[in-house]
Amino acid sequence: MNLKETEKDLNPEIIKELGKSKLKVLTNENDFLVKNLKKAG
């Protein structure tokens, strides 16, 4: 799926929501990595 093409069809509100959920996923992954690093360290 081409994100650039899809974004043209989505309205700005949906794009904002997508951005927020991407950020949440990234934060969760970072927390997970930090916890594992602390265990390993």
N, C-alpha and C. Protein backbone atom coordinates (compact mmCIF):
# COMPACT_ATOMS: atom_id res chain seq x y z
N MET A 1 0.85 -1.20 0.00
CA MET A 1 0.00 0.00 0.00
C MET A 1 0.88 1.24 0.00
N ASN A 2 0.58 2.17 -0.88
CA ASN A 2 1.36 3.39 -0.97
C ASN A 2 0.79 4.44 -0.02
N LEU A 3 1.56 4.77 1.02
CA LEU A 3 1.07 5.71 2.03
C LEU A 3 0.81 7.09 1.45
N LYS A 4 1.68 7.53 0.55
CA LYS A 4 1.49 8.86 -0.04
C LYS A 4 0.14 8.96 -0.73
N GLU A 5 -0.21 7.96 -1.50
CA GLU A 5 -1.50 7.97 -2.21
C GLU A 5 -2.65 7.91 -1.22
N THR A 6 -2.51 7.11 -0.19
CA THR A 6 -3.59 6.95 0.78
C THR A 6 -3.83 8.25 1.53
N GLU A 7 -2.76 8.96 1.87
CA GLU A 7 -2.88 10.19 2.64
C GLU A 7 -3.69 11.24 1.90
N LYS A 8 -3.60 11.24 0.57
CA LYS A 8 -4.39 12.20 -0.21
C LYS A 8 -5.88 11.98 0.01
N ASP A 9 -6.28 10.72 0.19
CA ASP A 9 -7.70 10.40 0.35
C ASP A 9 -8.18 10.62 1.78
N LEU A 10 -7.26 10.53 2.74
CA LEU A 10 -7.66 10.67 4.14
C LEU A 10 -7.83 12.13 4.51
N ASN A 11 -8.77 12.38 5.40
CA ASN A 11 -8.91 13.76 5.85
C ASN A 11 -7.90 14.03 6.96
N PRO A 12 -7.60 15.30 7.24
CA PRO A 12 -6.55 15.66 8.21
C PRO A 12 -6.76 15.05 9.59
N GLU A 13 -8.01 14.92 10.03
CA GLU A 13 -8.26 14.35 11.36
C GLU A 13 -7.76 12.92 11.44
N ILE A 14 -8.04 12.13 10.39
CA ILE A 14 -7.59 10.74 10.38
C ILE A 14 -6.07 10.69 10.38
N ILE A 15 -5.44 11.56 9.61
CA ILE A 15 -3.98 11.60 9.56
C ILE A 15 -3.42 11.91 10.95
N LYS A 16 -4.05 12.85 11.66
CA LYS A 16 -3.61 13.19 13.02
C LYS A 16 -3.71 11.97 13.92
N GLU A 17 -4.85 11.26 13.85
CA GLU A 17 -5.04 10.08 14.69
C GLU A 17 -4.01 9.01 14.38
N LEU A 18 -3.74 8.81 13.09
CA LEU A 18 -2.73 7.83 12.70
C LEU A 18 -1.38 8.21 13.28
N GLY A 19 -1.04 9.49 13.21
CA GLY A 19 0.22 9.96 13.76
C GLY A 19 0.32 9.69 15.24
N LYS A 20 -0.77 9.94 15.96
CA LYS A 20 -0.78 9.70 17.41
C LYS A 20 -0.56 8.23 17.72
N SER A 21 -1.27 7.36 16.99
CA SER A 21 -1.15 5.94 17.30
C SER A 21 0.25 5.44 16.95
N LYS A 22 0.85 5.97 15.89
CA LYS A 22 2.23 5.59 15.56
C LYS A 22 3.16 5.98 16.69
N LEU A 23 2.95 7.18 17.23
CA LEU A 23 3.79 7.65 18.34
C LEU A 23 3.63 6.75 19.56
N LYS A 24 2.39 6.35 19.85
CA LYS A 24 2.15 5.47 21.00
C LYS A 24 2.89 4.16 20.82
N VAL A 25 2.82 3.59 19.62
CA VAL A 25 3.50 2.32 19.35
C VAL A 25 5.00 2.49 19.56
N LEU A 26 5.56 3.58 19.04
CA LEU A 26 6.99 3.84 19.20
C LEU A 26 7.36 3.95 20.67
N THR A 27 6.54 4.65 21.44
CA THR A 27 6.84 4.83 22.87
C THR A 27 6.81 3.48 23.57
N ASN A 28 5.82 2.66 23.26
CA ASN A 28 5.73 1.33 23.89
C ASN A 28 6.96 0.50 23.54
N GLU A 29 7.40 0.55 22.28
CA GLU A 29 8.57 -0.21 21.87
C GLU A 29 9.80 0.28 22.61
N ASN A 30 9.92 1.59 22.77
CA ASN A 30 11.07 2.15 23.48
C ASN A 30 11.07 1.70 24.93
N ASP A 31 9.91 1.75 25.59
CA ASP A 31 9.82 1.30 26.98
C ASP A 31 10.26 -0.16 27.09
N PHE A 32 9.79 -0.96 26.16
CA PHE A 32 10.13 -2.38 26.14
C PHE A 32 11.64 -2.57 26.01
N LEU A 33 12.25 -1.83 25.08
CA LEU A 33 13.71 -1.93 24.87
C LEU A 33 14.46 -1.50 26.11
N VAL A 34 14.03 -0.40 26.72
CA VAL A 34 14.70 0.10 27.92
C VAL A 34 14.65 -0.93 29.04
N LYS A 35 13.49 -1.54 29.25
CA LYS A 35 13.35 -2.56 30.29
C LYS A 35 14.30 -3.73 30.03
N ASN A 36 14.36 -4.18 28.77
CA ASN A 36 15.24 -5.30 28.44
C ASN A 36 16.70 -4.92 28.63
N LEU A 37 17.05 -3.70 28.27
CA LEU A 37 18.44 -3.26 28.45
C LEU A 37 18.80 -3.23 29.92
N LYS A 38 17.87 -2.76 30.76
CA LYS A 38 18.14 -2.70 32.20
C LYS A 38 18.33 -4.11 32.76
N LYS A 39 17.49 -5.06 32.30
CA LYS A 39 17.64 -6.45 32.75
C LYS A 39 19.00 -6.99 32.33
N ALA A 40 19.37 -6.73 31.09
CA ALA A 40 20.64 -7.25 30.57
C ALA A 40 21.83 -6.58 31.26
N GLY A 41 21.67 -5.27 31.57
CA GLY A 41 22.76 -4.52 32.18
C GLY A 41 22.90 -4.93 33.62
